[in-house]
Amino acid sequence: MKKLEIIIRPDKLEKLKIILNELEIGGITVTSVVGCGNQKGLMDVDSIKGLKVSGMNLIPKIHAVVVVQDDEVDNILAIVHSEISSGTAGDGKVFISDISDCMRIRTGERGKKSL
């Protein structure tokens, strides 16, 4: 199993939900977060109420987490890229981690059955 941590622009969440639903992905956890990547929020220097702020500008993002079977990852990544990418900085990232096991608390099922 793999955990996909998908960081996207807030306006792309509905599209991501549609993609995952069409792929019959069973669950998603979504959190609103702020952060920045290599572009440092696309700002070098900003002025807020007369104060100079430099370095980073934290911008709103969505952090979505899904756990899927190993053989689903490449297809999900390809569709997320083709449907969510605008081709500009700030589109987001997908982090992929191995999951050794999981358990559904209600039933005690583990592994594939628990997803």
PDB file of N, CA and C in Angstrom:
ATOM      1  N   MET A   1       0.842  -1.179   0.000  1.00  0.00           N
ATOM      2  CA  MET A   1       0.000   0.000   0.000  1.00  0.00           C
ATOM      3  C   MET A   1       0.883   1.236   0.000  1.00  0.00           C
ATOM      4  N   LYS A   2       0.336   2.305  -0.553  1.00  0.00           N
ATOM      5  CA  LYS A   2       1.045   3.587  -0.602  1.00  0.00           C
ATOM      6  C   LYS A   2       0.154   4.683  -0.039  1.00  0.00           C
ATOM      7  N   LYS A   3       0.780   5.624   0.656  1.00  0.00           N
ATOM      8  CA  LYS A   3       0.088   6.825   1.102  1.00  0.00           C
ATOM      9  C   LYS A   3       0.477   7.955   0.159  1.00  0.00           C
ATOM     10  N   LEU A   4      -0.518   8.606  -0.412  1.00  0.00           N
ATOM     11  CA  LEU A   4      -0.291   9.776  -1.263  1.00  0.00           C
ATOM     12  C   LEU A   4      -0.692  11.015  -0.480  1.00  0.00           C
ATOM     13  N   GLU A   5       0.255  11.905  -0.278  1.00  0.00           N
ATOM     14  CA  GLU A   5      -0.032  13.191   0.342  1.00  0.00           C
ATOM     15  C   GLU A   5      -0.034  14.205  -0.797  1.00  0.00           C
ATOM     16  N   ILE A   6      -1.200  14.720  -1.105  1.00  0.00           N
ATOM     17  CA  ILE A   6      -1.397  15.565  -2.279  1.00  0.00           C
ATOM     18  C   ILE A   6      -1.596  17.001  -1.804  1.00  0.00           C
ATOM     19  N   ILE A   7      -0.669  17.873  -2.183  1.00  0.00           N
ATOM     20  CA  ILE A   7      -0.737  19.292  -1.829  1.00  0.00           C
ATOM     21  C   ILE A   7      -1.164  20.046  -3.090  1.00  0.00           C
ATOM     22  N   ILE A   8      -2.313  20.715  -3.027  1.00  0.00           N
ATOM     23  CA  ILE A   8      -2.847  21.403  -4.208  1.00  0.00           C
ATOM     24  C   ILE A   8      -3.416  22.769  -3.833  1.00  0.00           C
ATOM     25  N   ARG A   9      -3.720  23.549  -4.858  1.00  0.00           N
ATOM     26  CA  ARG A   9      -4.409  24.826  -4.668  1.00  0.00           C
ATOM     27  C   ARG A   9      -5.837  24.539  -4.189  1.00  0.00           C
ATOM     28  N   PRO A  10      -6.373  25.401  -3.320  1.00  0.00           N
ATOM     29  CA  PRO A  10      -7.732  25.167  -2.806  1.00  0.00           C
ATOM     30  C   PRO A  10      -8.797  25.035  -3.898  1.00  0.00           C
ATOM     31  N   ASP A  11      -8.659  25.761  -4.985  1.00  0.00           N
ATOM     32  CA  ASP A  11      -9.677  25.714  -6.042  1.00  0.00           C
ATOM     33  C   ASP A  11      -9.641  24.405  -6.838  1.00  0.00           C
ATOM     34  N   LYS A  12      -8.662  23.551  -6.580  1.00  0.00           N
ATOM     35  CA  LYS A  12      -8.559  22.262  -7.282  1.00  0.00           C
ATOM     36  C   LYS A  12      -9.129  21.104  -6.466  1.00  0.00           C
ATOM     37  N   LEU A  13      -9.620  21.366  -5.257  1.00  0.00           N
ATOM     38  CA  LEU A  13     -10.117  20.292  -4.404  1.00  0.00           C
ATOM     39  C   LEU A  13     -11.301  19.562  -5.029  1.00  0.00           C
ATOM     40  N   GLU A  14     -12.253  20.275  -5.572  1.00  0.00           N
ATOM     41  CA  GLU A  14     -13.421  19.609  -6.167  1.00  0.00           C
ATOM     42  C   GLU A  14     -13.006  18.702  -7.315  1.00  0.00           C
ATOM     43  N   LYS A  15     -12.066  19.172  -8.124  1.00  0.00           N
ATOM     44  CA  LYS A  15     -11.570  18.339  -9.227  1.00  0.00           C
ATOM     45  C   LYS A  15     -10.884  17.087  -8.690  1.00  0.00           C
ATOM     46  N   LEU A  16     -10.097  17.228  -7.618  1.00  0.00           N
ATOM     47  CA  LEU A  16      -9.435  16.069  -7.019  1.00  0.00           C
ATOM     48  C   LEU A  16     -10.470  15.080  -6.482  1.00  0.00           C
ATOM     49  N   LYS A  17     -11.515  15.573  -5.827  1.00  0.00           N
ATOM     50  CA  LYS A  17     -12.566  14.693  -5.312  1.00  0.00           C
ATOM     51  C   LYS A  17     -13.246  13.930  -6.440  1.00  0.00           C
ATOM     52  N   ILE A  18     -13.483  14.587  -7.558  1.00  0.00           N
ATOM     53  CA  ILE A  18     -14.101  13.926  -8.716  1.00  0.00           C
ATOM     54  C   ILE A  18     -13.185  12.828  -9.247  1.00  0.00           C
ATOM     55  N   ILE A  19     -11.896  13.143  -9.371  1.00  0.00           N
ATOM     56  CA  ILE A  19     -10.921  12.160  -9.867  1.00  0.00           C
ATOM     57  C   ILE A  19     -10.913  10.926  -8.970  1.00  0.00           C
ATOM     58  N   LEU A  20     -10.781  11.135  -7.667  1.00  0.00           N
ATOM     59  CA  LEU A  20     -10.695  10.011  -6.739  1.00  0.00           C
ATOM     60  C   LEU A  20     -11.988   9.212  -6.714  1.00  0.00           C
ATOM     61  N   ASN A  21     -13.123   9.886  -6.813  1.00  0.00           N
ATOM     62  CA  ASN A  21     -14.400   9.183  -6.847  1.00  0.00           C
ATOM     63  C   ASN A  21     -14.518   8.323  -8.101  1.00  0.00           C
ATOM     64  N   GLU A  22     -14.128   8.878  -9.253  1.00  0.00           N
ATOM     65  CA  GLU A  22     -14.186   8.113 -10.501  1.00  0.00           C
ATOM     66  C   GLU A  22     -13.250   6.913 -10.478  1.00  0.00           C
ATOM     67  N   LEU A  23     -12.151   7.021  -9.752  1.00  0.00           N
ATOM     68  CA  LEU A  23     -11.202   5.910  -9.619  1.00  0.00           C
ATOM     69  C   LEU A  23     -11.589   4.957  -8.489  1.00  0.00           C
ATOM     70  N   GLU A  24     -12.712   5.235  -7.851  1.00  0.00           N
ATOM     71  CA  GLU A  24     -13.234   4.412  -6.760  1.00  0.00           C
ATOM     72  C   GLU A  24     -12.254   4.286  -5.591  1.00  0.00           C
ATOM     73  N   ILE A  25     -11.579   5.407  -5.293  1.00  0.00           N
ATOM     74  CA  ILE A  25     -10.717   5.470  -4.123  1.00  0.00           C
ATOM     75  C   ILE A  25     -11.636   5.639  -2.918  1.00  0.00           C
ATOM     76  N   GLY A  26     -11.480   4.761  -1.926  1.00  0.00           N
ATOM     77  CA  GLY A  26     -12.446   4.656  -0.846  1.00  0.00           C
ATOM     78  C   GLY A  26     -12.471   5.771   0.174  1.00  0.00           C
ATOM     79  N   GLY A  27     -11.400   6.473   0.386  1.00  0.00           N
ATOM     80  CA  GLY A  27     -11.394   7.486   1.427  1.00  0.00           C
ATOM     81  C   GLY A  27     -10.367   8.561   1.184  1.00  0.00           C
ATOM     82  N   ILE A  28     -10.597   9.714   1.792  1.00  0.00           N
ATOM     83  CA  ILE A  28      -9.691  10.848   1.676  1.00  0.00           C
ATOM     84  C   ILE A  28      -9.777  11.646   2.973  1.00  0.00           C
ATOM     85  N   THR A  29      -8.656  12.157   3.417  1.00  0.00           N
ATOM     86  CA  THR A  29      -8.607  13.077   4.549  1.00  0.00           C
ATOM     87  C   THR A  29      -8.070  14.394   4.014  1.00  0.00           C
ATOM     88  N   VAL A  30      -8.773  15.489   4.309  1.00  0.00           N
ATOM     89  CA  VAL A  30      -8.405  16.798   3.755  1.00  0.00           C
ATOM     90  C   VAL A  30      -8.201  17.794   4.886  1.00  0.00           C
ATOM     91  N   THR A  31      -7.115  18.549   4.774  1.00  0.00           N
ATOM     92  CA  THR A  31      -6.791  19.594   5.737  1.00  0.00           C
ATOM     93  C   THR A  31      -6.458  20.869   4.983  1.00  0.00           C
ATOM     94  N   SER A  32      -6.919  22.008   5.499  1.00  0.00           N
ATOM     95  CA  SER A  32      -6.500  23.302   4.960  1.00  0.00           C
ATOM     96  C   SER A  32      -5.194  23.684   5.645  1.00  0.00           C
ATOM     97  N   VAL A  33      -4.204  24.019   4.843  1.00  0.00           N
ATOM     98  CA  VAL A  33      -2.881  24.352   5.371  1.00  0.00           C
ATOM     99  C   VAL A  33      -2.371  25.614   4.691  1.00  0.00           C
ATOM    100  N   VAL A  34      -1.285  26.159   5.200  1.00  0.00           N
ATOM    101  CA  VAL A  34      -0.567  27.238   4.517  1.00  0.00           C
ATOM    102  C   VAL A  34       0.878  26.823   4.380  1.00  0.00           C
ATOM    103  N   GLY A  35       1.528  27.290   3.329  1.00  0.00           N
ATOM    104  CA  GLY A  35       2.925  26.950   3.128  1.00  0.00           C
ATOM    105  C   GLY A  35       3.457  27.581   1.865  1.00  0.00           C
ATOM    106  N   CYS A  36       4.671  27.220   1.530  1.00  0.00           N
ATOM    107  CA  CYS A  36       5.277  27.698   0.296  1.00  0.00           C
ATOM    108  C   CYS A  36       6.316  26.688  -0.156  1.00  0.00           C
ATOM    109  N   GLY A  37       6.645  26.750  -1.433  1.00  0.00           N
ATOM    110  CA  GLY A  37       7.635  25.858  -2.006  1.00  0.00           C
ATOM    111  C   GLY A  37       8.865  26.621  -2.429  1.00  0.00           C
ATOM    112  N   ASN A  38       9.447  26.189  -3.534  1.00  0.00           N
ATOM    113  CA  ASN A  38      10.682  26.801  -4.029  1.00  0.00           C
ATOM    114  C   ASN A  38      10.534  28.280  -4.351  1.00  0.00           C
ATOM    115  N   GLN A  39       9.328  28.702  -4.728  1.00  0.00           N
ATOM    116  CA  GLN A  39       9.100  30.097  -5.092  1.00  0.00           C
ATOM    117  C   GLN A  39       8.931  30.990  -3.873  1.00  0.00           C
ATOM    118  N   LYS A  40       8.938  30.405  -2.677  1.00  0.00           N
ATOM    119  CA  LYS A  40       8.763  31.152  -1.420  1.00  0.00           C
ATOM    120  C   LYS A  40       7.475  31.965  -1.419  1.00  0.00           C
ATOM    121  N   GLY A  41       6.429  31.424  -2.010  1.00  0.00           N
ATOM    122  CA  GLY A  41       5.153  32.121  -2.056  1.00  0.00           C
ATOM    123  C   GLY A  41       5.105  33.200  -3.115  1.00  0.00           C
ATOM    124  N   LEU A  42       6.033  33.147  -4.085  1.00  0.00           N
ATOM    125  CA  LEU A  42       6.100  34.089  -5.205  1.00  0.00           C
ATOM    126  C   LEU A  42       6.333  35.525  -4.785  1.00  0.00           C
ATOM    127  N   MET A  43       6.922  35.763  -3.597  1.00  0.00           N
ATOM    128  CA  MET A  43       7.190  37.121  -3.129  1.00  0.00           C
ATOM    129  C   MET A  43       8.569  37.185  -2.511  1.00  0.00           C
ATOM    130  N   ASP A  44       9.304  38.246  -2.821  1.00  0.00           N
ATOM    131  CA  ASP A  44      10.581  38.473  -2.167  1.00  0.00           C
ATOM    132  C   ASP A  44      10.432  39.472  -1.028  1.00  0.00           C
ATOM    133  N   VAL A  45       9.755  40.586  -1.310  1.00  0.00           N
ATOM    134  CA  VAL A  45       9.574  41.626  -0.300  1.00  0.00           C
ATOM    135  C   VAL A  45       8.151  42.127  -0.396  1.00  0.00           C
ATOM    136  N   ASP A  46       7.512  42.298   0.744  1.00  0.00           N
ATOM    137  CA  ASP A  46       6.140  42.796   0.798  1.00  0.00           C
ATOM    138  C   ASP A  46       6.089  43.872   1.875  1.00  0.00           C
ATOM    139  N   SER A  47       5.126  44.739   1.752  1.00  0.00           N
ATOM    140  CA  SER A  47       4.947  45.779   2.750  1.00  0.00           C
ATOM    141  C   SER A  47       3.574  45.620   3.378  1.00  0.00           C
ATOM    142  N   ILE A  48       3.543  45.412   4.695  1.00  0.00           N
ATOM    143  CA  ILE A  48       2.299  45.258   5.412  1.00  0.00           C
ATOM    144  C   ILE A  48       2.262  46.302   6.524  1.00  0.00           C
ATOM    145  N   LYS A  49       1.335  47.271   6.411  1.00  0.00           N
ATOM    146  CA  LYS A  49       1.200  48.335   7.406  1.00  0.00           C
ATOM    147  C   LYS A  49       2.539  48.992   7.710  1.00  0.00           C
ATOM    148  N   GLY A  50       3.297  49.248   6.680  1.00  0.00           N
ATOM    149  CA  GLY A  50       4.561  49.937   6.832  1.00  0.00           C
ATOM    150  C   GLY A  50       5.727  49.065   7.255  1.00  0.00           C
ATOM    151  N   LEU A  51       5.500  47.795   7.538  1.00  0.00           N
ATOM    152  CA  LEU A  51       6.584  46.900   7.934  1.00  0.00           C
ATOM    153  C   LEU A  51       7.083  46.137   6.722  1.00  0.00           C
ATOM    154  N   LYS A  52       8.364  46.011   6.621  1.00  0.00           N
ATOM    155  CA  LYS A  52       8.943  45.226   5.536  1.00  0.00           C
ATOM    156  C   LYS A  52       8.990  43.758   5.958  1.00  0.00           C
ATOM    157  N   VAL A  53       8.424  42.899   5.112  1.00  0.00           N
ATOM    158  CA  VAL A  53       8.442  41.471   5.362  1.00  0.00           C
ATOM    159  C   VAL A  53       9.150  40.826   4.180  1.00  0.00           C
ATOM    160  N   SER A  54      10.209  40.093   4.438  1.00  0.00           N
ATOM    161  CA  SER A  54      10.930  39.472   3.335  1.00  0.00           C
ATOM    162  C   SER A  54      11.105  37.989   3.597  1.00  0.00           C
ATOM    163  N   GLY A  55      11.464  37.290   2.563  1.00  0.00           N
ATOM    164  CA  GLY A  55      11.742  35.876   2.712  1.00  0.00           C
ATOM    165  C   GLY A  55      10.660  34.989   2.173  1.00  0.00           C
ATOM    166  N   MET A  56       9.603  34.753   2.954  1.00  0.00           N
ATOM    167  CA  MET A  56       8.565  33.796   2.569  1.00  0.00           C
ATOM    168  C   MET A  56       7.185  34.407   2.710  1.00  0.00           C
ATOM    169  N   ASN A  57       6.323  33.968   1.831  1.00  0.00           N
ATOM    170  CA  ASN A  57       4.919  34.316   1.918  1.00  0.00           C
ATOM    171  C   ASN A  57       4.153  32.996   1.963  1.00  0.00           C
ATOM    172  N   LEU A  58       3.495  32.704   3.061  1.00  0.00           N
ATOM    173  CA  LEU A  58       2.747  31.464   3.186  1.00  0.00           C
ATOM    174  C   LEU A  58       1.395  31.625   2.500  1.00  0.00           C
ATOM    175  N   ILE A  59       1.095  30.687   1.606  1.00  0.00           N
ATOM    176  CA  ILE A  59      -0.146  30.770   0.851  1.00  0.00           C
ATOM    177  C   ILE A  59      -1.036  29.565   1.157  1.00  0.00           C
ATOM    178  N   PRO A  60      -2.358  29.744   1.053  1.00  0.00           N
ATOM    179  CA  PRO A  60      -3.277  28.650   1.368  1.00  0.00           C
ATOM    180  C   PRO A  60      -3.133  27.487   0.391  1.00  0.00           C
ATOM    181  N   LYS A  61      -3.174  26.287   0.943  1.00  0.00           N
ATOM    182  CA  LYS A  61      -3.128  25.056   0.149  1.00  0.00           C
ATOM    183  C   LYS A  61      -4.069  24.040   0.785  1.00  0.00           C
ATOM    184  N   ILE A  62      -4.330  22.979   0.059  1.00  0.00           N
ATOM    185  CA  ILE A  62      -5.084  21.840   0.551  1.00  0.00           C
ATOM    186  C   ILE A  62      -4.126  20.660   0.649  1.00  0.00           C
ATOM    187  N   HIS A  63      -4.183  19.953   1.772  1.00  0.00           N
ATOM    188  CA  HIS A  63      -3.369  18.756   1.995  1.00  0.00           C
ATOM    189  C   HIS A  63      -4.341  17.593   2.061  1.00  0.00           C
ATOM    190  N   ALA A  64      -4.350  16.781   1.014  1.00  0.00           N
ATOM    191  CA  ALA A  64      -5.241  15.622   0.942  1.00  0.00           C
ATOM    192  C   ALA A  64      -4.410  14.349   1.079  1.00  0.00           C
ATOM    193  N   VAL A  65      -4.899  13.407   1.865  1.00  0.00           N
ATOM    194  CA  VAL A  65      -4.191  12.151   2.094  1.00  0.00           C
ATOM    195  C   VAL A  65      -5.093  11.000   1.686  1.00  0.00           C
ATOM    196  N   VAL A  66      -4.552  10.103   0.850  1.00  0.00           N
ATOM    197  CA  VAL A  66      -5.254   8.882   0.474  1.00  0.00           C
ATOM    198  C   VAL A  66      -4.274   7.719   0.582  1.00  0.00           C
ATOM    199  N   VAL A  67      -4.800   6.541   0.899  1.00  0.00           N
ATOM    200  CA  VAL A  67      -3.992   5.325   0.914  1.00  0.00           C
ATOM    201  C   VAL A  67      -4.586   4.393  -0.132  1.00  0.00           C
ATOM    202  N   VAL A  68      -3.715   3.924  -1.032  1.00  0.00           N
ATOM    203  CA  VAL A  68      -4.166   3.118  -2.168  1.00  0.00           C
ATOM    204  C   VAL A  68      -3.269   1.896  -2.338  1.00  0.00           C
ATOM    205  N   GLN A  69      -3.712   0.976  -3.172  1.00  0.00           N
ATOM    206  CA  GLN A  69      -2.898  -0.190  -3.512  1.00  0.00           C
ATOM    207  C   GLN A  69      -1.730   0.259  -4.395  1.00  0.00           C
ATOM    208  N   ASP A  70      -0.612  -0.448  -4.311  1.00  0.00           N
ATOM    209  CA  ASP A  70       0.591  -0.099  -5.063  1.00  0.00           C
ATOM    210  C   ASP A  70       0.325   0.042  -6.557  1.00  0.00           C
ATOM    211  N   ASP A  71      -0.482  -0.854  -7.109  1.00  0.00           N
ATOM    212  CA  ASP A  71      -0.700  -0.849  -8.557  1.00  0.00           C
ATOM    213  C   ASP A  71      -1.609   0.284  -9.028  1.00  0.00           C
ATOM    214  N   GLU A  72      -2.176   1.068  -8.125  1.00  0.00           N
ATOM    215  CA  GLU A  72      -3.024   2.199  -8.505  1.00  0.00           C
ATOM    216  C   GLU A  72      -2.262   3.520  -8.610  1.00  0.00           C
ATOM    217  N   VAL A  73      -1.064   3.559  -8.047  1.00  0.00           N
ATOM    218  CA  VAL A  73      -0.336   4.816  -7.895  1.00  0.00           C
ATOM    219  C   VAL A  73      -0.042   5.495  -9.230  1.00  0.00           C
ATOM    220  N   ASP A  74       0.538   4.785 -10.176  1.00  0.00           N
ATOM    221  CA  ASP A  74       0.934   5.412 -11.442  1.00  0.00           C
ATOM    222  C   ASP A  74      -0.268   6.014 -12.172  1.00  0.00           C
ATOM    223  N   ASN A  75      -1.391   5.306 -12.185  1.00  0.00           N
ATOM    224  CA  ASN A  75      -2.587   5.811 -12.840  1.00  0.00           C
ATOM    225  C   ASN A  75      -3.107   7.070 -12.140  1.00  0.00           C
ATOM    226  N   ILE A  76      -3.145   7.049 -10.814  1.00  0.00           N
ATOM    227  CA  ILE A  76      -3.603   8.219 -10.062  1.00  0.00           C
ATOM    228  C   ILE A  76      -2.711   9.416 -10.341  1.00  0.00           C
ATOM    229  N   LEU A  77      -1.399   9.206 -10.291  1.00  0.00           N
ATOM    230  CA  LEU A  77      -0.459  10.308 -10.539  1.00  0.00           C
ATOM    231  C   LEU A  77      -0.636  10.891 -11.937  1.00  0.00           C
ATOM    232  N   ALA A  78      -0.802  10.040 -12.928  1.00  0.00           N
ATOM    233  CA  ALA A  78      -0.972  10.518 -14.305  1.00  0.00           C
ATOM    234  C   ALA A  78      -2.238  11.354 -14.442  1.00  0.00           C
ATOM    235  N   ILE A  79      -3.330  10.899 -13.839  1.00  0.00           N
ATOM    236  CA  ILE A  79      -4.593  11.634 -13.957  1.00  0.00           C
ATOM    237  C   ILE A  79      -4.534  12.938 -13.157  1.00  0.00           C
ATOM    238  N   VAL A  80      -3.975  12.901 -11.969  1.00  0.00           N
ATOM    239  CA  VAL A  80      -3.839  14.127 -11.176  1.00  0.00           C
ATOM    240  C   VAL A  80      -2.995  15.141 -11.934  1.00  0.00           C
ATOM    241  N   HIS A  81      -1.907  14.688 -12.522  1.00  0.00           N
ATOM    242  CA  HIS A  81      -1.063  15.607 -13.299  1.00  0.00           C
ATOM    243  C   HIS A  81      -1.829  16.205 -14.480  1.00  0.00           C
ATOM    244  N   SER A  82      -2.504  15.374 -15.244  1.00  0.00           N
ATOM    245  CA  SER A  82      -3.178  15.879 -16.446  1.00  0.00           C
ATOM    246  C   SER A  82      -4.386  16.749 -16.117  1.00  0.00           C
ATOM    247  N   GLU A  83      -5.063  16.477 -15.011  1.00  0.00           N
ATOM    248  CA  GLU A  83      -6.294  17.207 -14.692  1.00  0.00           C
ATOM    249  C   GLU A  83      -6.099  18.410 -13.771  1.00  0.00           C
ATOM    250  N   ILE A  84      -5.051  18.407 -12.958  1.00  0.00           N
ATOM    251  CA  ILE A  84      -4.895  19.470 -11.964  1.00  0.00           C
ATOM    252  C   ILE A  84      -3.784  20.454 -12.306  1.00  0.00           C
ATOM    253  N   SER A  85      -2.806  20.028 -13.085  1.00  0.00           N
ATOM    254  CA  SER A  85      -1.692  20.915 -13.422  1.00  0.00           C
ATOM    255  C   SER A  85      -2.141  22.077 -14.293  1.00  0.00           C
ATOM    256  N   SER A  86      -1.711  23.284 -13.900  1.00  0.00           N
ATOM    257  CA  SER A  86      -1.936  24.457 -14.746  1.00  0.00           C
ATOM    258  C   SER A  86      -0.652  24.827 -15.478  1.00  0.00           C
ATOM    259  N   GLY A  87       0.437  24.146 -15.115  1.00  0.00           N
ATOM    260  CA  GLY A  87       1.719  24.438 -15.747  1.00  0.00           C
ATOM    261  C   GLY A  87       2.444  25.618 -15.130  1.00  0.00           C
ATOM    262  N   THR A  88       1.947  26.118 -13.995  1.00  0.00           N
ATOM    263  CA  THR A  88       2.585  27.261 -13.354  1.00  0.00           C
ATOM    264  C   THR A  88       3.069  26.888 -11.956  1.00  0.00           C
ATOM    265  N   ALA A  89       3.990  27.692 -11.442  1.00  0.00           N
ATOM    266  CA  ALA A  89       4.515  27.461 -10.094  1.00  0.00           C
ATOM    267  C   ALA A  89       3.366  27.508  -9.101  1.00  0.00           C
ATOM    268  N   GLY A  90       3.422  26.621  -8.108  1.00  0.00           N
ATOM    269  CA  GLY A  90       2.400  26.604  -7.074  1.00  0.00           C
ATOM    270  C   GLY A  90       1.305  25.585  -7.290  1.00  0.00           C
ATOM    271  N   ASP A  91       1.417  24.776  -8.351  1.00  0.00           N
ATOM    272  CA  ASP A  91       0.400  23.750  -8.595  1.00  0.00           C
ATOM    273  C   ASP A  91       0.375  22.705  -7.484  1.00  0.00           C
ATOM    274  N   GLY A  92       1.510  22.440  -6.851  1.00  0.00           N
ATOM    275  CA  GLY A  92       1.549  21.507  -5.736  1.00  0.00           C
ATOM    276  C   GLY A  92       2.497  20.351  -5.947  1.00  0.00           C
ATOM    277  N   LYS A  93       2.375  19.369  -5.052  1.00  0.00           N
ATOM    278  CA  LYS A  93       3.236  18.186  -5.093  1.00  0.00           C
ATOM    279  C   LYS A  93       2.444  16.993  -4.576  1.00  0.00           C
ATOM    280  N   VAL A  94       2.950  15.798  -4.898  1.00  0.00           N
ATOM    281  CA  VAL A  94       2.422  14.563  -4.322  1.00  0.00           C
ATOM    282  C   VAL A  94       3.603  13.826  -3.701  1.00  0.00           C
ATOM    283  N   PHE A  95       3.489  13.545  -2.417  1.00  0.00           N
ATOM    284  CA  PHE A  95       4.495  12.779  -1.703  1.00  0.00           C
ATOM    285  C   PHE A  95       3.975  11.353  -1.563  1.00  0.00           C
ATOM    286  N   ILE A  96       4.834  10.380  -1.853  1.00  0.00           N
ATOM    287  CA  ILE A  96       4.432   8.977  -1.863  1.00  0.00           C
ATOM    288  C   ILE A  96       5.238   8.228  -0.810  1.00  0.00           C
ATOM    289  N   SER A  97       4.517   7.548   0.098  1.00  0.00           N
ATOM    290  CA  SER A  97       5.156   6.792   1.181  1.00  0.00           C
ATOM    291  C   SER A  97       4.636   5.366   1.194  1.00  0.00           C
ATOM    292  N   ASP A  98       5.479   4.455   1.657  1.00  0.00           N
ATOM    293  CA  ASP A  98       5.055   3.069   1.847  1.00  0.00           C
ATOM    294  C   ASP A  98       4.237   2.957   3.131  1.00  0.00           C
ATOM    295  N   ILE A  99       3.190   2.167   3.067  1.00  0.00           N
ATOM    296  CA  ILE A  99       2.383   1.837   4.246  1.00  0.00           C
ATOM    297  C   ILE A  99       2.492   0.323   4.430  1.00  0.00           C
ATOM    298  N   SER A 100       2.963  -0.104   5.576  1.00  0.00           N
ATOM    299  CA  SER A 100       3.160  -1.543   5.786  1.00  0.00           C
ATOM    300  C   SER A 100       1.861  -2.260   6.131  1.00  0.00           C
ATOM    301  N   ASP A 101       0.936  -1.565   6.770  1.00  0.00           N
ATOM    302  CA  ASP A 101      -0.325  -2.206   7.151  1.00  0.00           C
ATOM    303  C   ASP A 101      -1.283  -1.131   7.618  1.00  0.00           C
ATOM    304  N   CYS A 102      -2.543  -1.474   7.698  1.00  0.00           N
ATOM    305  CA  CYS A 102      -3.542  -0.605   8.307  1.00  0.00           C
ATOM    306  C   CYS A 102      -4.665  -1.473   8.846  1.00  0.00           C
ATOM    307  N   MET A 103      -5.486  -0.872   9.730  1.00  0.00           N
ATOM    308  CA  MET A 103      -6.581  -1.620  10.325  1.00  0.00           C
ATOM    309  C   MET A 103      -7.821  -0.743  10.395  1.00  0.00           C
ATOM    310  N   ARG A 104      -8.952  -1.317  10.015  1.00  0.00           N
ATOM    311  CA  ARG A 104     -10.234  -0.640  10.186  1.00  0.00           C
ATOM    312  C   ARG A 104     -10.648  -0.859  11.639  1.00  0.00           C
ATOM    313  N   ILE A 105     -10.795   0.214  12.381  1.00  0.00           N
ATOM    314  CA  ILE A 105     -11.073   0.111  13.803  1.00  0.00           C
ATOM    315  C   ILE A 105     -12.403  -0.597  14.065  1.00  0.00           C
ATOM    316  N   ARG A 106     -13.430  -0.300  13.293  1.00  0.00           N
ATOM    317  CA  ARG A 106     -14.765  -0.876  13.520  1.00  0.00           C
ATOM    318  C   ARG A 106     -14.761  -2.392  13.463  1.00  0.00           C
ATOM    319  N   THR A 107     -14.063  -2.970  12.470  1.00  0.00           N
ATOM    320  CA  THR A 107     -14.142  -4.413  12.244  1.00  0.00           C
ATOM    321  C   THR A 107     -12.870  -5.170  12.612  1.00  0.00           C
ATOM    322  N   GLY A 108     -11.759  -4.459  12.724  1.00  0.00           N
ATOM    323  CA  GLY A 108     -10.476  -5.122  12.973  1.00  0.00           C
ATOM    324  C   GLY A 108      -9.827  -5.649  11.711  1.00  0.00           C
ATOM    325  N   GLU A 109     -10.486  -5.450  10.530  1.00  0.00           N
ATOM    326  CA  GLU A 109      -9.897  -5.910   9.259  1.00  0.00           C
ATOM    327  C   GLU A 109      -8.571  -5.200   9.036  1.00  0.00           C
ATOM    328  N   ARG A 110      -7.643  -5.914   8.414  1.00  0.00           N
ATOM    329  CA  ARG A 110      -6.331  -5.351   8.137  1.00  0.00           C
ATOM    330  C   ARG A 110      -5.973  -5.522   6.668  1.00  0.00           C
ATOM    331  N   GLY A 111      -4.982  -4.742   6.240  1.00  0.00           N
ATOM    332  CA  GLY A 111      -4.492  -4.821   4.870  1.00  0.00           C
ATOM    333  C   GLY A 111      -5.492  -4.312   3.854  1.00  0.00           C
ATOM    334  N   LYS A 112      -5.523  -4.932   2.674  1.00  0.00           N
ATOM    335  CA  LYS A 112      -6.394  -4.521   1.565  1.00  0.00           C
ATOM    336  C   LYS A 112      -7.852  -4.369   1.982  1.00  0.00           C
ATOM    337  N   LYS A 113      -8.334  -5.305   2.791  1.00  0.00           N
ATOM    338  CA  LYS A 113      -9.735  -5.289   3.222  1.00  0.00           C
ATOM    339  C   LYS A 113     -10.077  -4.029   4.004  1.00  0.00           C
ATOM    340  N   SER A 114      -9.099  -3.461   4.682  1.00  0.00           N
ATOM    341  CA  SER A 114      -9.361  -2.291   5.536  1.00  0.00           C
ATOM    342  C   SER A 114      -9.503  -1.001   4.737  1.00  0.00           C
ATOM    343  N   LEU A 115      -9.033  -1.006   3.500  1.00  0.00           N
ATOM    344  CA  LEU A 115      -9.153   0.204   2.688  1.00  0.00           C
ATOM    345  C   LEU A 115     -10.573   0.323   2.166  1.00  0.00           C
TER     346      LEU A 115
END
